[in-house]
PDB file of N, CA and C in Angstrom:
ATOM      1  N   MET A   1       0.845  -1.159   0.000  1.00  0.00           N
ATOM      2  CA  MET A   1       0.000   0.000   0.000  1.00  0.00           C
ATOM      3  C   MET A   1       0.898   1.231   0.000  1.00  0.00           C
ATOM      4  N   ASN A   2       0.752   2.045  -0.988  1.00  0.00           N
ATOM      5  CA  ASN A   2       1.526   3.276  -1.097  1.00  0.00           C
ATOM      6  C   ASN A   2       0.699   4.433  -0.571  1.00  0.00           C
ATOM      7  N   VAL A   3       1.148   4.971   0.535  1.00  0.00           N
ATOM      8  CA  VAL A   3       0.462   6.113   1.123  1.00  0.00           C
ATOM      9  C   VAL A   3       1.273   7.347   0.784  1.00  0.00           C
ATOM     10  N   PRO A   4       0.660   8.333   0.156  1.00  0.00           N
ATOM     11  CA  PRO A   4       1.428   9.532  -0.177  1.00  0.00           C
ATOM     12  C   PRO A   4       1.849  10.270   1.087  1.00  0.00           C
ATOM     13  N   THR A   5       3.073  10.741   1.074  1.00  0.00           N
ATOM     14  CA  THR A   5       3.551  11.501   2.221  1.00  0.00           C
ATOM     15  C   THR A   5       3.030  12.921   2.105  1.00  0.00           C
ATOM     16  N   GLU A   6       2.494  13.407   3.174  1.00  0.00           N
ATOM     17  CA  GLU A   6       1.928  14.741   3.160  1.00  0.00           C
ATOM     18  C   GLU A   6       2.877  15.713   3.845  1.00  0.00           C
ATOM     19  N   LYS A   7       2.865  16.928   3.389  1.00  0.00           N
ATOM     20  CA  LYS A   7       3.689  17.959   4.000  1.00  0.00           C
ATOM     21  C   LYS A   7       3.013  18.416   5.285  1.00  0.00           C
ATOM     22  N   ARG A   8       3.776  18.411   6.373  1.00  0.00           N
ATOM     23  CA  ARG A   8       3.247  18.880   7.649  1.00  0.00           C
ATOM     24  C   ARG A   8       4.006  20.121   8.073  1.00  0.00           C
ATOM     25  N   THR A   9       3.311  21.013   8.713  1.00  0.00           N
ATOM     26  CA  THR A   9       3.960  22.227   9.195  1.00  0.00           C
ATOM     27  C   THR A   9       4.771  21.898  10.447  1.00  0.00           C
ATOM     28  N   ARG A  10       5.597  22.827  10.838  1.00  0.00           N
ATOM     29  CA  ARG A  10       6.398  22.620  12.061  1.00  0.00           C
ATOM     30  C   ARG A  10       5.503  22.522  13.288  1.00  0.00           C
ATOM     31  N   LEU A  11       4.414  23.289  13.288  1.00  0.00           N
ATOM     32  CA  LEU A  11       3.489  23.229  14.424  1.00  0.00           C
ATOM     33  C   LEU A  11       2.865  21.840  14.521  1.00  0.00           C
ATOM     34  N   GLU A  12       2.459  21.264  13.400  1.00  0.00           N
ATOM     35  CA  GLU A  12       1.878  19.917  13.413  1.00  0.00           C
ATOM     36  C   GLU A  12       2.898  18.890  13.875  1.00  0.00           C
ATOM     37  N   GLN A  13       4.146  19.025  13.453  1.00  0.00           N
ATOM     38  CA  GLN A  13       5.193  18.105  13.893  1.00  0.00           C
ATOM     39  C   GLN A  13       5.438  18.244  15.394  1.00  0.00           C
ATOM     40  N   ALA A  14       5.456  19.476  15.881  1.00  0.00           N
ATOM     41  CA  ALA A  14       5.686  19.702  17.314  1.00  0.00           C
ATOM     42  C   ALA A  14       4.529  19.156  18.147  1.00  0.00           C
ATOM     43  N   MET A  15       3.307  19.331  17.659  1.00  0.00           N
ATOM     44  CA  MET A  15       2.148  18.822  18.387  1.00  0.00           C
ATOM     45  C   MET A  15       2.152  17.291  18.420  1.00  0.00           C
ATOM     46  N   GLU A  16       2.505  16.662  17.312  1.00  0.00           N
ATOM     47  CA  GLU A  16       2.579  15.206  17.274  1.00  0.00           C
ATOM     48  C   GLU A  16       3.643  14.708  18.242  1.00  0.00           C
ATOM     49  N   TRP A  17       4.792  15.384  18.276  1.00  0.00           N
ATOM     50  CA  TRP A  17       5.862  15.011  19.195  1.00  0.00           C
ATOM     51  C   TRP A  17       5.381  15.135  20.638  1.00  0.00           C
ATOM     52  N   ALA A  18       4.696  16.240  20.954  1.00  0.00           N
ATOM     53  CA  ALA A  18       4.223  16.469  22.320  1.00  0.00           C
ATOM     54  C   ALA A  18       3.212  15.402  22.744  1.00  0.00           C
ATOM     55  N   VAL A  19       2.339  15.000  21.827  1.00  0.00           N
ATOM     56  CA  VAL A  19       1.344  13.973  22.152  1.00  0.00           C
ATOM     57  C   VAL A  19       2.029  12.638  22.433  1.00  0.00           C
ATOM     58  N   TRP A  20       2.993  12.258  21.598  1.00  0.00           N
ATOM     59  CA  TRP A  20       3.679  10.985  21.791  1.00  0.00           C
ATOM     60  C   TRP A  20       4.535  10.983  23.051  1.00  0.00           C
ATOM     61  N   HIS A  21       4.998  12.144  23.492  1.00  0.00           N
ATOM     62  CA  HIS A  21       5.880  12.228  24.662  1.00  0.00           C
ATOM     63  C   HIS A  21       5.161  12.839  25.867  1.00  0.00           C
ATOM     64  N   PHE A  22       3.842  12.748  25.917  1.00  0.00           N
ATOM     65  CA  PHE A  22       3.072  13.366  26.987  1.00  0.00           C
ATOM     66  C   PHE A  22       3.501  12.877  28.372  1.00  0.00           C
ATOM     67  N   GLY A  23       3.712  11.579  28.536  1.00  0.00           N
ATOM     68  CA  GLY A  23       4.112  11.036  29.838  1.00  0.00           C
ATOM     69  C   GLY A  23       5.452  11.574  30.299  1.00  0.00           C
ATOM     70  N   GLU A  24       6.382  11.670  29.362  1.00  0.00           N
ATOM     71  CA  GLU A  24       7.704  12.182  29.721  1.00  0.00           C
ATOM     72  C   GLU A  24       7.629  13.670  30.065  1.00  0.00           C
ATOM     73  N   LEU A  25       6.847  14.414  29.283  1.00  0.00           N
ATOM     74  CA  LEU A  25       6.688  15.839  29.572  1.00  0.00           C
ATOM     75  C   LEU A  25       6.029  16.051  30.928  1.00  0.00           C
ATOM     76  N   ALA A  26       5.019  15.247  31.223  1.00  0.00           N
ATOM     77  CA  ALA A  26       4.353  15.356  32.519  1.00  0.00           C
ATOM     78  C   ALA A  26       5.311  15.012  33.663  1.00  0.00           C
ATOM     79  N   GLY A  27       6.184  14.023  33.439  1.00  0.00           N
ATOM     80  CA  GLY A  27       7.153  13.637  34.466  1.00  0.00           C
ATOM     81  C   GLY A  27       8.190  14.705  34.740  1.00  0.00           C
ATOM     82  N   VAL A  28       8.453  15.552  33.751  1.00  0.00           N
ATOM     83  CA  VAL A  28       9.425  16.628  33.945  1.00  0.00           C
ATOM     84  C   VAL A  28       8.732  17.902  34.433  1.00  0.00           C
ATOM     85  N   LEU A  29       7.634  18.260  33.780  1.00  0.00           N
ATOM     86  CA  LEU A  29       6.975  19.531  34.108  1.00  0.00           C
ATOM     87  C   LEU A  29       6.189  19.478  35.420  1.00  0.00           C
ATOM     88  N   GLY A  30       5.599  18.321  35.731  1.00  0.00           N
ATOM     89  CA  GLY A  30       4.835  18.194  36.980  1.00  0.00           C
ATOM     90  C   GLY A  30       5.677  18.499  38.215  1.00  0.00           C
ATOM     91  N   PRO A  31       6.811  17.825  38.388  1.00  0.00           N
ATOM     92  CA  PRO A  31       7.657  18.135  39.544  1.00  0.00           C
ATOM     93  C   PRO A  31       8.214  19.567  39.519  1.00  0.00           C
ATOM     94  N   LEU A  32       8.427  20.120  38.325  1.00  0.00           N
ATOM     95  CA  LEU A  32       8.894  21.511  38.268  1.00  0.00           C
ATOM     96  C   LEU A  32       7.835  22.469  38.810  1.00  0.00           C
ATOM     97  N   VAL A  33       6.589  22.218  38.470  1.00  0.00           N
ATOM     98  CA  VAL A  33       5.504  23.057  39.000  1.00  0.00           C
ATOM     99  C   VAL A  33       5.430  22.892  40.513  1.00  0.00           C
ATOM    100  N   LEU A  34       5.537  21.661  40.990  1.00  0.00           N
ATOM    101  CA  LEU A  34       5.527  21.432  42.438  1.00  0.00           C
ATOM    102  C   LEU A  34       6.731  22.095  43.113  1.00  0.00           C
ATOM    103  N   ALA A  35       7.871  22.135  42.433  1.00  0.00           N
ATOM    104  CA  ALA A  35       9.058  22.791  42.995  1.00  0.00           C
ATOM    105  C   ALA A  35       8.842  24.285  43.127  1.00  0.00           C
ATOM    106  N   VAL A  36       8.166  24.875  42.156  1.00  0.00           N
ATOM    107  CA  VAL A  36       7.899  26.317  42.224  1.00  0.00           C
ATOM    108  C   VAL A  36       6.895  26.620  43.328  1.00  0.00           C
ATOM    109  N   ILE A  37       5.885  25.765  43.482  1.00  0.00           N
ATOM    110  CA  ILE A  37       4.817  26.040  44.451  1.00  0.00           C
ATOM    111  C   ILE A  37       5.219  25.672  45.878  1.00  0.00           C
ATOM    112  N   PHE A  38       5.796  24.481  46.085  1.00  0.00           N
ATOM    113  CA  PHE A  38       6.020  23.988  47.437  1.00  0.00           C
ATOM    114  C   PHE A  38       7.481  24.055  47.875  1.00  0.00           C
ATOM    115  N   THR A  39       8.310  23.187  47.336  1.00  0.00           N
ATOM    116  CA  THR A  39       9.687  23.112  47.792  1.00  0.00           C
ATOM    117  C   THR A  39      10.607  22.802  46.605  1.00  0.00           C
ATOM    118  N   PRO A  40      11.804  23.349  46.612  1.00  0.00           N
ATOM    119  CA  PRO A  40      12.733  23.095  45.504  1.00  0.00           C
ATOM    120  C   PRO A  40      13.181  21.635  45.385  1.00  0.00           C
ATOM    121  N   TRP A  41      12.910  20.818  46.378  1.00  0.00           N
ATOM    122  CA  TRP A  41      13.318  19.422  46.319  1.00  0.00           C
ATOM    123  C   TRP A  41      12.626  18.660  45.183  1.00  0.00           C
ATOM    124  N   PHE A  42      11.463  19.128  44.772  1.00  0.00           N
ATOM    125  CA  PHE A  42      10.776  18.475  43.656  1.00  0.00           C
ATOM    126  C   PHE A  42      11.551  18.642  42.343  1.00  0.00           C
ATOM    127  N   ALA A  43      12.402  19.651  42.289  1.00  0.00           N
ATOM    128  CA  ALA A  43      13.212  19.848  41.089  1.00  0.00           C
ATOM    129  C   ALA A  43      14.176  18.678  40.893  1.00  0.00           C
ATOM    130  N   LEU A  44      14.573  18.037  41.981  1.00  0.00           N
ATOM    131  CA  LEU A  44      15.441  16.870  41.898  1.00  0.00           C
ATOM    132  C   LEU A  44      14.737  15.727  41.168  1.00  0.00           C
ATOM    133  N   VAL A  45      13.465  15.518  41.475  1.00  0.00           N
ATOM    134  CA  VAL A  45      12.682  14.487  40.782  1.00  0.00           C
ATOM    135  C   VAL A  45      12.599  14.812  39.296  1.00  0.00           C
ATOM    136  N   SER A  46      12.361  16.070  38.992  1.00  0.00           N
ATOM    137  CA  SER A  46      12.277  16.498  37.598  1.00  0.00           C
ATOM    138  C   SER A  46      13.596  16.259  36.875  1.00  0.00           C
ATOM    139  N   ALA A  47      14.701  16.536  37.526  1.00  0.00           N
ATOM    140  CA  ALA A  47      16.011  16.321  36.913  1.00  0.00           C
ATOM    141  C   ALA A  47      16.274  14.837  36.665  1.00  0.00           C
ATOM    142  N   LEU A  48      15.867  13.976  37.598  1.00  0.00           N
ATOM    143  CA  LEU A  48      16.049  12.538  37.417  1.00  0.00           C
ATOM    144  C   LEU A  48      15.213  12.015  36.246  1.00  0.00           C
ATOM    145  N   VAL A  49      13.976  12.475  36.140  1.00  0.00           N
ATOM    146  CA  VAL A  49      13.126  12.055  35.021  1.00  0.00           C
ATOM    147  C   VAL A  49      13.711  12.555  33.706  1.00  0.00           C
ATOM    148  N   ALA A  50      14.190  13.795  33.685  1.00  0.00           N
ATOM    149  CA  ALA A  50      14.789  14.352  32.464  1.00  0.00           C
ATOM    150  C   ALA A  50      16.040  13.576  32.059  1.00  0.00           C
ATOM    151  N   ALA A  51      16.847  13.184  33.026  1.00  0.00           N
ATOM    152  CA  ALA A  51      18.052  12.411  32.718  1.00  0.00           C
ATOM    153  C   ALA A  51      17.691  11.032  32.159  1.00  0.00           C
ATOM    154  N   GLY A  52      16.704  10.388  32.753  1.00  0.00           N
ATOM    155  CA  GLY A  52      16.250   9.095  32.237  1.00  0.00           C
ATOM    156  C   GLY A  52      15.689   9.210  30.831  1.00  0.00           C
ATOM    157  N   TRP A  53      14.956  10.270  30.583  1.00  0.00           N
ATOM    158  CA  TRP A  53      14.387  10.520  29.264  1.00  0.00           C
ATOM    159  C   TRP A  53      15.515  10.714  28.238  1.00  0.00           C
ATOM    160  N   ALA A  54      16.538  11.484  28.617  1.00  0.00           N
ATOM    161  CA  ALA A  54      17.661  11.738  27.707  1.00  0.00           C
ATOM    162  C   ALA A  54      18.402  10.443  27.377  1.00  0.00           C
ATOM    163  N   VAL A  55      18.618   9.600  28.375  1.00  0.00           N
ATOM    164  CA  VAL A  55      19.290   8.322  28.143  1.00  0.00           C
ATOM    165  C   VAL A  55      18.465   7.458  27.189  1.00  0.00           C
ATOM    166  N   HIS A  56      17.159   7.430  27.402  1.00  0.00           N
ATOM    167  CA  HIS A  56      16.284   6.644  26.527  1.00  0.00           C
ATOM    168  C   HIS A  56      16.334   7.157  25.091  1.00  0.00           C
ATOM    169  N   GLU A  57      16.289   8.467  24.899  1.00  0.00           N
ATOM    170  CA  GLU A  57      16.312   9.044  23.552  1.00  0.00           C
ATOM    171  C   GLU A  57      17.641   8.756  22.845  1.00  0.00           C
ATOM    172  N   VAL A  58      18.754   8.822  23.574  1.00  0.00           N
ATOM    173  CA  VAL A  58      20.060   8.527  22.968  1.00  0.00           C
ATOM    174  C   VAL A  58      20.130   7.065  22.543  1.00  0.00           C
ATOM    175  N   ARG A  59      19.664   6.162  23.401  1.00  0.00           N
ATOM    176  CA  ARG A  59      19.663   4.739  23.050  1.00  0.00           C
ATOM    177  C   ARG A  59      18.764   4.475  21.840  1.00  0.00           C
ATOM    178  N   ASP A  60      17.600   5.113  21.815  1.00  0.00           N
ATOM    179  CA  ASP A  60      16.671   4.950  20.703  1.00  0.00           C
ATOM    180  C   ASP A  60      17.291   5.449  19.399  1.00  0.00           C
ATOM    181  N   HIS A  61      17.959   6.589  19.464  1.00  0.00           N
ATOM    182  CA  HIS A  61      18.602   7.154  18.271  1.00  0.00           C
ATOM    183  C   HIS A  61      19.694   6.223  17.751  1.00  0.00           C
ATOM    184  N   ARG A  62      20.503   5.692  18.637  1.00  0.00           N
ATOM    185  CA  ARG A  62      21.577   4.780  18.232  1.00  0.00           C
ATOM    186  C   ARG A  62      21.019   3.490  17.642  1.00  0.00           C
ATOM    187  N   GLU A  63      19.947   2.975  18.238  1.00  0.00           N
ATOM    188  CA  GLU A  63      19.340   1.743  17.729  1.00  0.00           C
ATOM    189  C   GLU A  63      18.764   1.954  16.334  1.00  0.00           C
ATOM    190  N   ARG A  64      18.097   3.081  16.122  1.00  0.00           N
ATOM    191  CA  ARG A  64      17.552   3.380  14.794  1.00  0.00           C
ATOM    192  C   ARG A  64      18.665   3.538  13.761  1.00  0.00           C
ATOM    193  N   ALA A  65      19.751   4.181  14.131  1.00  0.00           N
ATOM    194  CA  ALA A  65      20.883   4.340  13.212  1.00  0.00           C
ATOM    195  C   ALA A  65      21.484   2.982  12.868  1.00  0.00           C
ATOM    196  N   ARG A  66      21.582   2.099  13.860  1.00  0.00           N
ATOM    197  CA  ARG A  66      22.123   0.761  13.618  1.00  0.00           C
ATOM    198  C   ARG A  66      21.208  -0.025  12.686  1.00  0.00           C
ATOM    199  N   LEU A  67      19.899   0.081  12.889  1.00  0.00           N
ATOM    200  CA  LEU A  67      18.959  -0.635  12.030  1.00  0.00           C
ATOM    201  C   LEU A  67      18.976  -0.091  10.606  1.00  0.00           C
ATOM    202  N   ARG A  68      19.086   1.239  10.463  1.00  0.00           N
ATOM    203  CA  ARG A  68      19.159   1.830   9.129  1.00  0.00           C
ATOM    204  C   ARG A  68      20.417   1.365   8.403  1.00  0.00           C
ATOM    205  N   ALA A  69      21.529   1.286   9.121  1.00  0.00           N
ATOM    206  CA  ALA A  69      22.781   0.827   8.510  1.00  0.00           C
ATOM    207  C   ALA A  69      22.672  -0.643   8.116  1.00  0.00           C
ATOM    208  N   GLY A  70      21.964  -1.430   8.908  1.00  0.00           N
ATOM    209  CA  GLY A  70      21.796  -2.847   8.597  1.00  0.00           C
ATOM    210  C   GLY A  70      20.934  -3.079   7.382  1.00  0.00           C
ATOM    211  N   THR A  71      19.930  -2.259   7.153  1.00  0.00           N
ATOM    212  CA  THR A  71      19.071  -2.448   5.982  1.00  0.00           C
ATOM    213  C   THR A  71      19.802  -2.094   4.703  1.00  0.00           C
ATOM    214  N   ALA A  72      20.771  -1.199   4.761  1.00  0.00           N
ATOM    215  CA  ALA A  72      21.526  -0.844   3.560  1.00  0.00           C
ATOM    216  C   ALA A  72      22.437  -1.989   3.134  1.00  0.00           C
ATOM    217  N   GLU A  73      22.855  -2.811   4.086  1.00  0.00           N
ATOM    218  CA  GLU A  73      23.767  -3.908   3.778  1.00  0.00           C
ATOM    219  C   GLU A  73      23.049  -5.172   3.300  1.00  0.00           C
ATOM    220  N   ARG A  74      21.733  -5.259   3.508  1.00  0.00           N
ATOM    221  CA  ARG A  74      20.993  -6.452   3.097  1.00  0.00           C
ATOM    222  C   ARG A  74      20.920  -6.541   1.587  1.00  0.00           C
ATOM    223  N   LYS A  75      20.950  -7.758   1.108  1.00  0.00           N
ATOM    224  CA  LYS A  75      20.850  -7.968  -0.335  1.00  0.00           C
ATOM    225  C   LYS A  75      19.382  -8.070  -0.728  1.00  0.00           C
ATOM    226  N   GLN A  76      19.056  -7.519  -1.865  1.00  0.00           N
ATOM    227  CA  GLN A  76      17.707  -7.602  -2.390  1.00  0.00           C
ATOM    228  C   GLN A  76      17.526  -8.947  -3.085  1.00  0.00           C
ATOM    229  N   LEU A  77      16.372  -9.564  -2.905  1.00  0.00           N
ATOM    230  CA  LEU A  77      16.058 -10.799  -3.601  1.00  0.00           C
ATOM    231  C   LEU A  77      15.645 -10.467  -5.028  1.00  0.00           C
ATOM    232  N   PRO A  78      16.017 -11.310  -5.963  1.00  0.00           N
ATOM    233  CA  PRO A  78      15.606 -11.032  -7.340  1.00  0.00           C
ATOM    234  C   PRO A  78      14.102 -11.212  -7.497  1.00  0.00           C
ATOM    235  N   ALA A  79      13.522 -10.431  -8.372  1.00  0.00           N
ATOM    236  CA  ALA A  79      12.088 -10.535  -8.626  1.00  0.00           C
ATOM    237  C   ALA A  79      11.810 -11.802  -9.417  1.00  0.00           C
ATOM    238  N   THR A  80      10.666 -12.421  -9.148  1.00  0.00           N
ATOM    239  CA  THR A  80      10.308 -13.616  -9.898  1.00  0.00           C
ATOM    240  C   THR A  80       9.883 -13.213 -11.306  1.00  0.00           C
ATOM    241  N   PRO A  81      10.211 -14.009 -12.304  1.00  0.00           N
ATOM    242  CA  PRO A  81       9.829 -13.642 -13.669  1.00  0.00           C
ATOM    243  C   PRO A  81       8.319 -13.688 -13.840  1.00  0.00           C
ATOM    244  N   ALA A  82       7.798 -12.776 -14.623  1.00  0.00           N
ATOM    245  CA  ALA A  82       6.360 -12.716 -14.870  1.00  0.00           C
ATOM    246  C   ALA A  82       5.948 -13.892 -15.742  1.00  0.00           C
ATOM    247  N   ALA A  83       4.750 -14.428 -15.496  1.00  0.00           N
ATOM    248  CA  ALA A  83       4.248 -15.554 -16.281  1.00  0.00           C
ATOM    249  C   ALA A  83       3.821 -15.052 -17.655  1.00  0.00           C
ATOM    250  N   THR A  84       4.359 -15.685 -18.693  1.00  0.00           N
ATOM    251  CA  THR A  84       4.007 -15.269 -20.048  1.00  0.00           C
ATOM    252  C   THR A  84       3.083 -16.261 -20.716  1.00  0.00           C
ATOM    253  N   ASP A  85       3.008 -17.460 -20.184  1.00  0.00           N
ATOM    254  CA  ASP A  85       2.164 -18.497 -20.760  1.00  0.00           C
ATOM    255  C   ASP A  85       0.722 -18.290 -20.308  1.00  0.00           C
ATOM    256  N   ASP A  86      -0.236 -18.364 -21.222  1.00  0.00           N
ATOM    257  CA  ASP A  86      -1.645 -18.179 -20.881  1.00  0.00           C
ATOM    258  C   ASP A  86      -2.126 -19.258 -19.920  1.00  0.00           C
ATOM    259  N   GLU A  87      -1.625 -20.471 -20.083  1.00  0.00           N
ATOM    260  CA  GLU A  87      -2.041 -21.557 -19.204  1.00  0.00           C
ATOM    261  C   GLU A  87      -1.596 -21.295 -17.767  1.00  0.00           C
ATOM    262  N   THR A  88      -0.388 -20.817 -17.605  1.00  0.00           N
ATOM    263  CA  THR A  88       0.114 -20.502 -16.264  1.00  0.00           C
ATOM    264  C   THR A  88      -0.687 -19.362 -15.651  1.00  0.00           C
ATOM    265  N   THR A  89      -1.006 -18.359 -16.444  1.00  0.00           N
ATOM    266  CA  THR A  89      -1.773 -17.217 -15.951  1.00  0.00           C
ATOM    267  C   THR A  89      -3.165 -17.648 -15.534  1.00  0.00           C
ATOM    268  N   ASN A  90      -3.820 -18.494 -16.336  1.00  0.00           N
ATOM    269  CA  ASN A  90      -5.159 -18.974 -15.981  1.00  0.00           C
ATOM    270  C   ASN A  90      -5.118 -19.820 -14.727  1.00  0.00           C
ATOM    271  N   HIS A  91      -4.083 -20.647 -14.591  1.00  0.00           N
ATOM    272  CA  HIS A  91      -3.944 -21.496 -13.413  1.00  0.00           C
ATOM    273  C   HIS A  91      -3.790 -20.631 -12.162  1.00  0.00           C
ATOM    274  N   GLN A  92      -2.978 -19.579 -12.251  1.00  0.00           N
ATOM    275  CA  GLN A  92      -2.761 -18.691 -11.106  1.00  0.00           C
ATOM    276  C   GLN A  92      -4.039 -17.942 -10.749  1.00  0.00           C
ATOM    277  N   SER A  93      -4.792 -17.502 -11.731  1.00  0.00           N
ATOM    278  CA  SER A  93      -6.022 -16.758 -11.426  1.00  0.00           C
ATOM    279  C   SER A  93      -7.054 -17.673 -10.813  1.00  0.00           C
ATOM    280  N   ARG A  94      -7.089 -18.969 -11.181  1.00  0.00           N
ATOM    281  CA  ARG A  94      -8.029 -19.897 -10.562  1.00  0.00           C
ATOM    282  C   ARG A  94      -7.654 -20.138  -9.102  1.00  0.00           C
ATOM    283  N   GLU A  95      -6.355 -20.139  -8.778  1.00  0.00           N
ATOM    284  CA  GLU A  95      -5.935 -20.338  -7.385  1.00  0.00           C
ATOM    285  C   GLU A  95      -6.328 -19.160  -6.514  1.00  0.00           C
ATOM    286  N   VAL A  96      -6.281 -17.973  -7.087  1.00  0.00           N
ATOM    287  CA  VAL A  96      -6.620 -16.771  -6.315  1.00  0.00           C
ATOM    288  C   VAL A  96      -8.101 -16.738  -5.987  1.00  0.00           C
ATOM    289  N   THR A  97      -8.940 -17.187  -6.921  1.00  0.00           N
ATOM    290  CA  THR A  97     -10.383 -17.122  -6.716  1.00  0.00           C
ATOM    291  C   THR A  97     -10.893 -18.191  -5.777  1.00  0.00           C
ATOM    292  N   ARG A  98     -10.131 -19.200  -5.493  1.00  0.00           N
ATOM    293  CA  ARG A  98     -10.599 -20.275  -4.600  1.00  0.00           C
ATOM    294  C   ARG A  98     -10.678 -19.835  -3.183  1.00  0.00           C
TER     295      ARG A  98
END
């Protein structure tokens, strides 16, 4: 299935990113709000969540780069030759309809 790629604005890309990372954003921003309102010690929780998030993103980036490099090294399988005989074509179409 070929899905055409659509052009997205930067705002749409940023909103999509924010939705996918909502839990991480909440883990960082929630303790920061609590640090401003109650005690600065909540900022420590926010820093720990941010550090964990950064480690996860770096690992994810490296894994994706490794997978992209691996797909470039894979060999493509040759395409099967198209059936030119009418009998073979009819036989194949009967198998599909069953």
